[in-house]
Structure formats: structure tokens, C-alpha cells
Amino acid sequence: MILAVSLIACILISLLIAVVTGYFIRSASLKKWEELPRKRGAGAVLGLLALLFFIPNVEPMFSAKENLTVLVIAAIVLTVLCYLYLDYLFSRAFAGALILVAHFMLNASYAADLKFSSFFAFMCFVVGTIGIFISAKPHWMRDWIRKIAASTKWRIVSTAVPLLFAIASLILVIQLKGVL
């Protein structure tokens, strides 16, 4: 059940990113979008949501259920510290969320043992790699936004990647529901 809900959430978020990159980021609105990677408030919210959603990923190290209160408090404290001390907070939170989503979805899809998961695995690899690059150099997200606004080729590729991820997620949702 959690895999299906997570896949549907990935589909919706991927479609939102595709619409933003394909339609809203333009030269005329570039100034507004260039500021996004450094937004502390949006980065703190996204980072906190990612940390809270992925608390179950610590299960291999220690019981997330027994230490849930400590982990939630740690997530909140880390979010506050990041808000106070990190620059490019939205870029960092977005990159972290991409990496965590790619890991979680890949792990869940293998556990479900679904056919056509190789395309989904490839898309998880692409999304995770994008997250790793952005986390290594957070200002690259700003540069990426500039390239989307200036180049049709970058806009098409930046729209195609989340669309392909949404399609891969949709294929797995259909398989989970027993249609394929």
C-alpha cells in the first residue's frame, strides 16, 4: 500500500516539476526563479518533510519505531540548524529529497518484484544522480534554471526527465493494481 501511495505521490510531484520546467520558467520570469535555490523558508519546509517521511530508512541502523520521538525531534532540530546556517537551502533540500526518493522507490520496487522495473530503476538512477550533483554544488540548481529559461533544448530535457519518471511510476502502479 505504501509503495502505491508513494508512486502516486511521485507521479504528481513529477508532473508538477515537468509543468514548472516546461511552462513557467521563462526568460521573463527568470529573476523570480533564480531566487528559488536560496529560499530558506521553502527549503526548510521541503527538508523537514523529506526528513520526516524518510525516518523509516534508519531501520537498518536502529529501530525507528522505538526511537520515533527522538528522530522527530532530531529532524526538527536539524531543520532549524539548516535554516540558520546553510545557504542554498532549497537546493540542498531538493537534492536530498531526490536522493532519498530514488533510494526509497528503487528499494520498494525491487521488494515488490515487478516486471518492467528496469526502466523504473534507470529513472531512479537518473533522478538520484541529479540529486547527487545538486547536493555537491547547490548553485548548479540556479545555473540549471538559467539554462532552462535560455534554451529550448534544456527546457525539453528538463521536462522530459520528470515526465519519464512519472510514466515509469505509473507503469509500476498499474502492475501493483494487477492490470499488467
N, C-alpha and C. Protein backbone atom coordinates (compact mmCIF):
# COMPACT_ATOMS: atom_id res chain seq x y z
N MET A 1 0.82 -1.20 0.00
CA MET A 1 0.00 0.00 0.00
C MET A 1 0.87 1.26 0.00
N ILE A 2 1.91 1.26 0.86
CA ILE A 2 2.76 2.45 0.92
C ILE A 2 3.49 2.67 -0.40
N LEU A 3 3.84 1.58 -1.10
CA LEU A 3 4.51 1.72 -2.39
C LEU A 3 3.57 2.37 -3.40
N ALA A 4 2.32 1.94 -3.46
CA ALA A 4 1.37 2.53 -4.41
C ALA A 4 1.15 4.01 -4.11
N VAL A 5 0.97 4.35 -2.85
CA VAL A 5 0.77 5.76 -2.47
C VAL A 5 2.01 6.58 -2.79
N SER A 6 3.19 6.02 -2.51
CA SER A 6 4.44 6.72 -2.81
C SER A 6 4.61 6.91 -4.31
N LEU A 7 4.26 5.90 -5.09
CA LEU A 7 4.36 6.02 -6.54
C LEU A 7 3.40 7.08 -7.07
N ILE A 8 2.20 7.11 -6.54
CA ILE A 8 1.23 8.13 -6.97
C ILE A 8 1.73 9.52 -6.59
N ALA A 9 2.30 9.66 -5.40
CA ALA A 9 2.88 10.95 -5.00
C ALA A 9 4.02 11.34 -5.93
N CYS A 10 4.86 10.36 -6.31
CA CYS A 10 5.95 10.63 -7.25
C CYS A 10 5.41 11.08 -8.61
N ILE A 11 4.33 10.46 -9.04
CA ILE A 11 3.72 10.86 -10.31
C ILE A 11 3.27 12.31 -10.25
N LEU A 12 2.55 12.66 -9.20
CA LEU A 12 2.03 14.03 -9.08
C LEU A 12 3.15 15.06 -8.96
N ILE A 13 4.14 14.77 -8.14
CA ILE A 13 5.26 15.71 -7.98
C ILE A 13 6.06 15.81 -9.27
N SER A 14 6.27 14.69 -9.95
CA SER A 14 6.99 14.71 -11.22
C SER A 14 6.25 15.53 -12.26
N LEU A 15 4.94 15.39 -12.31
CA LEU A 15 4.15 16.18 -13.26
C LEU A 15 4.22 17.67 -12.91
N LEU A 16 4.21 18.00 -11.63
CA LEU A 16 4.34 19.39 -11.21
C LEU A 16 5.69 19.96 -11.64
N ILE A 17 6.76 19.21 -11.43
CA ILE A 17 8.09 19.67 -11.84
C ILE A 17 8.15 19.82 -13.35
N ALA A 18 7.54 18.89 -14.09
CA ALA A 18 7.53 18.98 -15.55
C ALA A 18 6.79 20.23 -16.02
N VAL A 19 5.67 20.54 -15.39
CA VAL A 19 4.91 21.74 -15.77
C VAL A 19 5.71 22.99 -15.46
N VAL A 20 6.34 23.02 -14.30
CA VAL A 20 7.13 24.21 -13.92
C VAL A 20 8.29 24.40 -14.88
N THR A 21 9.05 23.33 -15.16
CA THR A 21 10.20 23.47 -16.05
C THR A 21 9.79 23.73 -17.49
N GLY A 22 8.70 23.14 -17.92
CA GLY A 22 8.28 23.29 -19.30
C GLY A 22 7.49 24.54 -19.61
N TYR A 23 6.79 25.06 -18.63
CA TYR A 23 5.87 26.17 -18.91
C TYR A 23 6.20 27.46 -18.16
N PHE A 24 6.53 27.36 -16.89
CA PHE A 24 6.65 28.57 -16.08
C PHE A 24 8.03 29.22 -16.09
N ILE A 25 9.09 28.44 -16.22
CA ILE A 25 10.44 29.03 -16.20
C ILE A 25 10.74 29.58 -17.60
N ARG A 26 10.70 30.89 -17.70
CA ARG A 26 10.96 31.60 -18.96
C ARG A 26 11.91 32.76 -18.68
N SER A 27 12.43 33.35 -19.72
CA SER A 27 13.34 34.49 -19.56
C SER A 27 12.66 35.64 -18.84
N ALA A 28 11.38 35.84 -19.10
CA ALA A 28 10.66 36.96 -18.48
C ALA A 28 10.52 36.78 -16.97
N SER A 29 10.43 35.55 -16.51
CA SER A 29 10.25 35.30 -15.08
C SER A 29 11.52 34.74 -14.42
N LEU A 30 12.64 34.88 -15.11
CA LEU A 30 13.89 34.28 -14.62
C LEU A 30 14.31 34.81 -13.26
N LYS A 31 14.15 36.10 -13.04
CA LYS A 31 14.57 36.70 -11.76
C LYS A 31 13.90 36.00 -10.58
N LYS A 32 12.61 35.75 -10.71
CA LYS A 32 11.86 35.09 -9.63
C LYS A 32 12.36 33.66 -9.41
N TRP A 33 12.61 32.92 -10.49
CA TRP A 33 13.01 31.53 -10.38
C TRP A 33 14.47 31.39 -9.93
N GLU A 34 15.31 32.38 -10.28
CA GLU A 34 16.71 32.33 -9.85
C GLU A 34 16.85 32.39 -8.33
N GLU A 35 15.90 32.99 -7.68
CA GLU A 35 15.94 33.12 -6.23
C GLU A 35 15.52 31.83 -5.51
N LEU A 36 14.84 30.94 -6.20
CA LEU A 36 14.32 29.72 -5.56
C LEU A 36 15.38 28.88 -4.85
N PRO A 37 16.54 28.60 -5.47
CA PRO A 37 17.52 27.75 -4.78
C PRO A 37 17.98 28.27 -3.42
N ARG A 38 17.90 29.58 -3.20
CA ARG A 38 18.37 30.16 -1.93
C ARG A 38 17.23 30.41 -0.94
N LYS A 39 16.01 30.06 -1.29
CA LYS A 39 14.87 30.30 -0.40
C LYS A 39 15.01 29.44 0.86
N ARG A 40 15.13 30.10 1.98
CA ARG A 40 15.31 29.37 3.24
C ARG A 40 14.00 28.77 3.74
N GLY A 41 12.92 29.51 3.66
CA GLY A 41 11.64 29.01 4.16
C GLY A 41 11.17 27.78 3.40
N ALA A 42 11.18 27.88 2.08
CA ALA A 42 10.75 26.74 1.25
C ALA A 42 11.70 25.56 1.43
N GLY A 43 12.99 25.85 1.56
CA GLY A 43 13.97 24.79 1.77
C GLY A 43 13.79 24.09 3.11
N ALA A 44 13.47 24.88 4.14
CA ALA A 44 13.24 24.29 5.46
C ALA A 44 12.01 23.39 5.45
N VAL A 45 10.95 23.83 4.81
CA VAL A 45 9.73 23.02 4.74
C VAL A 45 9.99 21.73 3.96
N LEU A 46 10.60 21.85 2.79
CA LEU A 46 10.89 20.66 1.98
C LEU A 46 11.85 19.72 2.72
N GLY A 47 12.87 20.28 3.34
CA GLY A 47 13.82 19.47 4.08
C GLY A 47 13.19 18.74 5.25
N LEU A 48 12.33 19.44 5.99
CA LEU A 48 11.66 18.80 7.13
C LEU A 48 10.73 17.68 6.66
N LEU A 49 9.98 17.94 5.59
CA LEU A 49 9.10 16.90 5.05
C LEU A 49 9.89 15.68 4.60
N ALA A 50 11.01 15.92 3.93
CA ALA A 50 11.84 14.79 3.48
C ALA A 50 12.40 14.02 4.67
N LEU A 51 12.90 14.74 5.67
CA LEU A 51 13.44 14.05 6.85
C LEU A 51 12.38 13.24 7.57
N LEU A 52 11.20 13.81 7.72
CA LEU A 52 10.14 13.09 8.44
C LEU A 52 9.63 11.89 7.65
N PHE A 53 9.48 12.06 6.33
CA PHE A 53 8.97 10.96 5.51
C PHE A 53 9.94 9.78 5.47
N PHE A 54 11.22 10.09 5.52
CA PHE A 54 12.22 9.03 5.35
C PHE A 54 12.79 8.52 6.67
N ILE A 55 12.15 8.82 7.78
CA ILE A 55 12.57 8.26 9.07
C ILE A 55 12.63 6.73 9.03
N PRO A 56 11.70 6.04 8.36
CA PRO A 56 11.80 4.57 8.32
C PRO A 56 13.08 4.04 7.68
N ASN A 57 13.79 4.88 6.90
CA ASN A 57 15.04 4.43 6.27
C ASN A 57 16.16 4.17 7.27
N VAL A 58 16.02 4.62 8.51
CA VAL A 58 17.06 4.37 9.51
C VAL A 58 16.90 2.99 10.14
N GLU A 59 15.89 2.26 9.75
CA GLU A 59 15.60 0.94 10.33
C GLU A 59 16.80 -0.02 10.33
N PRO A 60 17.65 -0.04 9.28
CA PRO A 60 18.80 -0.94 9.35
C PRO A 60 19.78 -0.61 10.49
N MET A 61 19.80 0.63 10.94
CA MET A 61 20.74 1.01 11.99
C MET A 61 20.17 0.82 13.39
N PHE A 62 18.92 1.23 13.57
CA PHE A 62 18.23 1.02 14.85
C PHE A 62 16.74 1.18 14.62
N SER A 63 15.96 0.75 15.57
CA SER A 63 14.51 0.71 15.40
C SER A 63 13.92 2.11 15.33
N ALA A 64 13.33 2.41 14.18
CA ALA A 64 12.69 3.72 14.02
C ALA A 64 11.43 3.83 14.87
N LYS A 65 10.76 2.70 15.08
CA LYS A 65 9.52 2.72 15.86
C LYS A 65 9.80 3.03 17.32
N GLU A 66 10.84 2.42 17.87
CA GLU A 66 11.17 2.65 19.28
C GLU A 66 11.75 4.04 19.52
N ASN A 67 12.41 4.60 18.53
CA ASN A 67 13.08 5.89 18.66
C ASN A 67 12.39 6.99 17.88
N LEU A 68 11.12 6.83 17.60
CA LEU A 68 10.40 7.78 16.76
C LEU A 68 10.44 9.19 17.33
N THR A 69 10.22 9.34 18.63
CA THR A 69 10.22 10.67 19.25
C THR A 69 11.58 11.34 19.08
N VAL A 70 12.64 10.60 19.34
CA VAL A 70 13.99 11.15 19.21
C VAL A 70 14.27 11.54 17.76
N LEU A 71 13.85 10.72 16.81
CA LEU A 71 14.09 11.01 15.40
C LEU A 71 13.31 12.22 14.92
N VAL A 72 12.08 12.38 15.38
CA VAL A 72 11.29 13.55 15.00
C VAL A 72 11.92 14.81 15.58
N ILE A 73 12.32 14.75 16.85
CA ILE A 73 12.99 15.91 17.46
C ILE A 73 14.29 16.23 16.72
N ALA A 74 15.06 15.20 16.38
CA ALA A 74 16.30 15.42 15.63
C ALA A 74 16.03 16.05 14.27
N ALA A 75 14.97 15.62 13.59
CA ALA A 75 14.62 16.20 12.29
C ALA A 75 14.28 17.68 12.44
N ILE A 76 13.54 18.02 13.48
CA ILE A 76 13.17 19.42 13.70
C ILE A 76 14.40 20.26 14.05
N VAL A 77 15.25 19.74 14.93
CA VAL A 77 16.47 20.47 15.31
C VAL A 77 17.38 20.66 14.09
N LEU A 78 17.55 19.61 13.29
CA LEU A 78 18.37 19.73 12.09
C LEU A 78 17.79 20.75 11.11
N THR A 79 16.48 20.77 10.98
CA THR A 79 15.84 21.74 10.09
C THR A 79 16.12 23.16 10.56
N VAL A 80 15.99 23.40 11.85
CA VAL A 80 16.26 24.74 12.40
C VAL A 80 17.72 25.12 12.18
N LEU A 81 18.64 24.21 12.46
CA LEU A 81 20.06 24.50 12.26
C LEU A 81 20.38 24.77 10.79
N CYS A 82 19.80 23.99 9.90
CA CYS A 82 20.00 24.22 8.47
C CYS A 82 19.45 25.58 8.06
N TYR A 83 18.29 25.93 8.58
CA TYR A 83 17.68 27.23 8.27
C TYR A 83 18.60 28.37 8.70
N LEU A 84 19.22 28.21 9.85
CA LEU A 84 20.06 29.28 10.40
C LEU A 84 21.42 29.37 9.73
N TYR A 85 21.99 28.25 9.29
CA TYR A 85 23.39 28.26 8.89
C TYR A 85 23.70 27.90 7.44
N LEU A 86 22.76 27.36 6.69
CA LEU A 86 23.07 26.93 5.33
C LEU A 86 22.55 27.91 4.29
N ASP A 87 23.35 28.12 3.28
CA ASP A 87 22.92 28.88 2.11
C ASP A 87 22.43 27.88 1.07
N TYR A 88 21.67 28.34 0.11
CA TYR A 88 21.09 27.48 -0.92
C TYR A 88 20.31 26.34 -0.27
N LEU A 89 19.49 26.67 0.70
CA LEU A 89 18.79 25.65 1.47
C LEU A 89 17.78 24.88 0.61
N PHE A 90 17.05 25.58 -0.26
CA PHE A 90 16.09 24.86 -1.10
C PHE A 90 16.81 23.88 -2.03
N SER A 91 17.93 24.30 -2.61
CA SER A 91 18.70 23.39 -3.48
C SER A 91 19.13 22.15 -2.72
N ARG A 92 19.62 22.35 -1.51
CA ARG A 92 20.10 21.22 -0.71
C ARG A 92 18.95 20.29 -0.33
N ALA A 93 17.82 20.88 0.06
CA ALA A 93 16.66 20.07 0.44
C ALA A 93 16.10 19.33 -0.77
N PHE A 94 16.03 20.01 -1.91
CA PHE A 94 15.54 19.38 -3.14
C PHE A 94 16.45 18.22 -3.53
N ALA A 95 17.77 18.45 -3.46
CA ALA A 95 18.73 17.39 -3.80
C ALA A 95 18.60 16.21 -2.85
N GLY A 96 18.50 16.50 -1.57
CA GLY A 96 18.34 15.43 -0.59
C GLY A 96 17.06 14.64 -0.81
N ALA A 97 15.98 15.36 -1.13
CA ALA A 97 14.71 14.68 -1.39
C ALA A 97 14.81 13.80 -2.64
N LEU A 98 15.50 14.28 -3.68
CA LEU A 98 15.68 13.47 -4.88
C LEU A 98 16.44 12.18 -4.57
N ILE A 99 17.52 12.31 -3.81
CA ILE A 99 18.33 11.14 -3.46
C ILE A 99 17.51 10.16 -2.63
N LEU A 100 16.81 10.67 -1.62
CA LEU A 100 16.02 9.79 -0.76
C LEU A 100 14.86 9.14 -1.51
N VAL A 101 14.21 9.89 -2.39
CA VAL A 101 13.11 9.33 -3.18
C VAL A 101 13.63 8.23 -4.10
N ALA A 102 14.75 8.49 -4.76
CA ALA A 102 15.32 7.48 -5.67
C ALA A 102 15.66 6.20 -4.90
N HIS A 103 16.27 6.35 -3.75
CA HIS A 103 16.63 5.17 -2.94
C HIS A 103 15.40 4.43 -2.46
N PHE A 104 14.45 5.15 -1.90
CA PHE A 104 13.24 4.53 -1.37
C PHE A 104 12.45 3.82 -2.46
N MET A 105 12.24 4.50 -3.58
CA MET A 105 11.43 3.94 -4.64
C MET A 105 12.12 2.73 -5.28
N LEU A 106 13.42 2.81 -5.46
CA LEU A 106 14.15 1.69 -6.03
C LEU A 106 14.08 0.47 -5.11
N ASN A 107 14.29 0.69 -3.84
CA ASN A 107 14.23 -0.38 -2.85
C ASN A 107 12.83 -1.00 -2.82
N ALA A 108 11.81 -0.16 -2.80
CA ALA A 108 10.43 -0.66 -2.74
C ALA A 108 10.04 -1.41 -4.02
N SER A 109 10.49 -0.92 -5.17
CA SER A 109 10.13 -1.60 -6.42
C SER A 109 10.81 -2.96 -6.52
N TYR A 110 12.04 -3.08 -6.06
CA TYR A 110 12.70 -4.39 -6.07
C TYR A 110 12.02 -5.35 -5.10
N ALA A 111 11.62 -4.84 -3.96
CA ALA A 111 10.94 -5.69 -2.97
C ALA A 111 9.60 -6.19 -3.52
N ALA A 112 8.93 -5.38 -4.35
CA ALA A 112 7.65 -5.78 -4.93
C ALA A 112 7.83 -6.77 -6.08
N ASP A 113 9.07 -6.90 -6.61
CA ASP A 113 9.39 -7.85 -7.67
C ASP A 113 8.44 -7.70 -8.87
N LEU A 114 8.42 -6.52 -9.45
CA LEU A 114 7.54 -6.22 -10.58
C LEU A 114 8.32 -6.26 -11.88
N LYS A 115 7.66 -6.72 -12.95
CA LYS A 115 8.30 -6.65 -14.26
C LYS A 115 8.29 -5.19 -14.72
N PHE A 116 9.08 -4.87 -15.70
CA PHE A 116 9.27 -3.51 -16.20
C PHE A 116 9.94 -2.61 -15.17
N SER A 117 10.51 -3.19 -14.13
CA SER A 117 11.14 -2.34 -13.13
C SER A 117 12.53 -1.86 -13.56
N SER A 118 13.08 -2.42 -14.64
CA SER A 118 14.40 -1.96 -15.09
C SER A 118 14.33 -0.52 -15.61
N PHE A 119 13.27 -0.16 -16.32
CA PHE A 119 13.10 1.22 -16.77
C PHE A 119 12.94 2.14 -15.57
N PHE A 120 12.17 1.71 -14.59
CA PHE A 120 11.99 2.49 -13.37
C PHE A 120 13.32 2.62 -12.62
N ALA A 121 14.10 1.53 -12.58
CA ALA A 121 15.41 1.57 -11.92
C ALA A 121 16.33 2.57 -12.61
N PHE A 122 16.29 2.59 -13.94
CA PHE A 122 17.10 3.56 -14.68
C PHE A 122 16.67 4.98 -14.34
N MET A 123 15.37 5.22 -14.28
CA MET A 123 14.89 6.57 -13.95
C MET A 123 15.26 6.95 -12.51
N CYS A 124 15.23 6.00 -11.60
CA CYS A 124 15.68 6.26 -10.22
C CYS A 124 17.16 6.62 -10.21
N PHE A 125 17.94 5.92 -11.04
CA PHE A 125 19.36 6.23 -11.16
C PHE A 125 19.56 7.66 -11.65
N VAL A 126 18.82 8.05 -12.68
CA VAL A 126 18.93 9.41 -13.22
C VAL A 126 18.54 10.44 -12.17
N VAL A 127 17.41 10.24 -11.52
CA VAL A 127 16.93 11.19 -10.51
C VAL A 127 17.91 11.27 -9.34
N GLY A 128 18.38 10.13 -8.87
CA GLY A 128 19.35 10.13 -7.78
C GLY A 128 20.65 10.82 -8.15
N THR A 129 21.11 10.60 -9.38
CA THR A 129 22.34 11.24 -9.84
C THR A 129 22.17 12.75 -9.92
N ILE A 130 21.02 13.21 -10.40
CA ILE A 130 20.74 14.64 -10.43
C ILE A 130 20.79 15.20 -9.00
N GLY A 131 20.19 14.47 -8.07
CA GLY A 131 20.22 14.89 -6.67
C GLY A 131 21.64 14.96 -6.12
N ILE A 132 22.47 13.99 -6.47
CA ILE A 132 23.86 13.99 -6.00
C ILE A 132 24.62 15.19 -6.56
N PHE A 133 24.43 15.48 -7.85
CA PHE A 133 25.11 16.63 -8.44
C PHE A 133 24.66 17.94 -7.79
N ILE A 134 23.36 18.09 -7.58
CA ILE A 134 22.87 19.33 -6.97
C ILE A 134 23.35 19.44 -5.52
N SER A 135 23.40 18.33 -4.80
CA SER A 135 23.87 18.41 -3.41
C SER A 135 25.36 18.73 -3.35
N ALA A 136 26.12 18.30 -4.35
CA ALA A 136 27.55 18.60 -4.37
C ALA A 136 27.80 20.08 -4.66
N LYS A 137 27.03 20.64 -5.54
CA LYS A 137 27.19 22.06 -5.92
C LYS A 137 25.80 22.68 -5.98
N PRO A 138 25.28 23.16 -4.84
CA PRO A 138 23.90 23.67 -4.81
C PRO A 138 23.62 24.81 -5.79
N HIS A 139 24.66 25.58 -6.13
CA HIS A 139 24.43 26.68 -7.07
C HIS A 139 24.15 26.17 -8.49
N TRP A 140 24.42 24.90 -8.74
CA TRP A 140 24.10 24.34 -10.06
C TRP A 140 22.60 24.35 -10.32
N MET A 141 21.79 24.31 -9.28
CA MET A 141 20.35 24.38 -9.49
C MET A 141 19.97 25.74 -10.09
N ARG A 142 20.60 26.80 -9.58
CA ARG A 142 20.37 28.13 -10.14
C ARG A 142 20.82 28.18 -11.60
N ASP A 143 21.99 27.61 -11.87
CA ASP A 143 22.50 27.58 -13.24
C ASP A 143 21.60 26.76 -14.15
N TRP A 144 21.06 25.67 -13.61
CA TRP A 144 20.12 24.83 -14.37
C TRP A 144 18.87 25.63 -14.72
N ILE A 145 18.36 26.39 -13.76
CA ILE A 145 17.18 27.22 -14.01
C ILE A 145 17.48 28.25 -15.09
N ARG A 146 18.66 28.83 -15.06
CA ARG A 146 19.05 29.80 -16.10
C ARG A 146 19.10 29.13 -17.47
N LYS A 147 19.61 27.91 -17.53
CA LYS A 147 19.68 27.19 -18.81
C LYS A 147 18.29 26.85 -19.33
N ILE A 148 17.38 26.49 -18.43
CA ILE A 148 16.00 26.19 -18.84
C ILE A 148 15.36 27.43 -19.44
N ALA A 149 15.60 28.59 -18.82
CA ALA A 149 15.00 29.83 -19.31
C ALA A 149 15.59 30.26 -20.64
N ALA A 150 16.86 29.95 -20.88
CA ALA A 150 17.55 30.44 -22.07
C ALA A 150 17.50 29.48 -23.26
N SER A 151 17.34 28.18 -23.01
CA SER A 151 17.49 27.20 -24.08
C SER A 151 16.29 26.27 -24.16
N THR A 152 15.76 26.13 -25.36
CA THR A 152 14.65 25.21 -25.59
C THR A 152 15.09 23.77 -25.36
N LYS A 153 16.32 23.45 -25.73
CA LYS A 153 16.84 22.09 -25.53
C LYS A 153 16.85 21.73 -24.04
N TRP A 154 17.34 22.63 -23.20
CA TRP A 154 17.37 22.37 -21.76
C TRP A 154 15.96 22.27 -21.20
N ARG A 155 15.05 23.09 -21.72
CA ARG A 155 13.66 23.05 -21.25
C ARG A 155 13.03 21.70 -21.59
N ILE A 156 13.27 21.22 -22.80
CA ILE A 156 12.70 19.94 -23.22
C ILE A 156 13.25 18.79 -22.37
N VAL A 157 14.56 18.75 -22.19
CA VAL A 157 15.18 17.68 -21.39
C VAL A 157 14.71 17.76 -19.94
N SER A 158 14.65 18.98 -19.41
CA SER A 158 14.24 19.16 -18.01
C SER A 158 12.76 18.86 -17.80
N THR A 159 11.99 18.88 -18.84
CA THR A 159 10.59 18.48 -18.76
C THR A 159 10.45 16.98 -18.99
N ALA A 160 11.29 16.43 -19.87
CA ALA A 160 11.20 15.01 -20.21
C ALA A 160 11.59 14.10 -19.05
N VAL A 161 12.60 14.47 -18.28
CA VAL A 161 13.05 13.59 -17.19
C VAL A 161 11.95 13.36 -16.17
N PRO A 162 11.31 14.40 -15.62
CA PRO A 162 10.22 14.11 -14.67
C PRO A 162 9.03 13.42 -15.33
N LEU A 163 8.77 13.71 -16.61
CA LEU A 163 7.68 13.01 -17.30
C LEU A 163 7.98 11.52 -17.43
N LEU A 164 9.21 11.18 -17.79
CA LEU A 164 9.59 9.77 -17.88
C LEU A 164 9.54 9.09 -16.52
N PHE A 165 9.93 9.81 -15.47
CA PHE A 165 9.84 9.25 -14.12
C PHE A 165 8.38 9.01 -13.75
N ALA A 166 7.50 9.94 -14.14
CA ALA A 166 6.07 9.77 -13.87
C ALA A 166 5.52 8.56 -14.64
N ILE A 167 5.95 8.39 -15.89
CA ILE A 167 5.49 7.25 -16.68
C ILE A 167 5.99 5.94 -16.06
N ALA A 168 7.25 5.90 -15.66
CA ALA A 168 7.79 4.70 -15.02
C ALA A 168 7.04 4.39 -13.73
N SER A 169 6.72 5.41 -12.96
CA SER A 169 5.96 5.22 -11.72
C SER A 169 4.55 4.72 -12.03
N LEU A 170 3.94 5.27 -13.07
CA LEU A 170 2.59 4.85 -13.46
C LEU A 170 2.57 3.38 -13.88
N ILE A 171 3.59 2.95 -14.61
CA ILE A 171 3.67 1.54 -15.02
C ILE A 171 3.70 0.64 -13.79
N LEU A 172 4.48 1.03 -12.79
CA LEU A 172 4.55 0.21 -11.57
C LEU A 172 3.25 0.24 -10.78
N VAL A 173 2.56 1.39 -10.75
CA VAL A 173 1.26 1.46 -10.07
C VAL A 173 0.27 0.53 -10.74
N ILE A 174 0.25 0.54 -12.07
CA ILE A 174 -0.66 -0.34 -12.81
C ILE A 174 -0.34 -1.80 -12.50
N GLN A 175 0.94 -2.14 -12.43
CA GLN A 175 1.31 -3.52 -12.09
C GLN A 175 0.90 -3.89 -10.68
N LEU A 176 1.07 -2.96 -9.75
CA LEU A 176 0.67 -3.24 -8.36
C LEU A 176 -0.82 -3.50 -8.25
N LYS A 177 -1.59 -2.82 -9.07
CA LYS A 177 -3.04 -3.00 -9.05
C LYS A 177 -3.48 -4.22 -9.83
N GLY A 178 -2.52 -4.91 -10.49
CA GLY A 178 -2.83 -6.17 -11.14
C GLY A 178 -3.34 -6.06 -12.56
N VAL A 179 -3.19 -4.92 -13.20
CA VAL A 179 -3.67 -4.76 -14.58
C VAL A 179 -2.70 -5.42 -15.56
N LEU A 180 -1.39 -5.29 -15.32
CA LEU A 180 -0.39 -5.88 -16.23
C LEU A 180 0.15 -7.17 -15.67
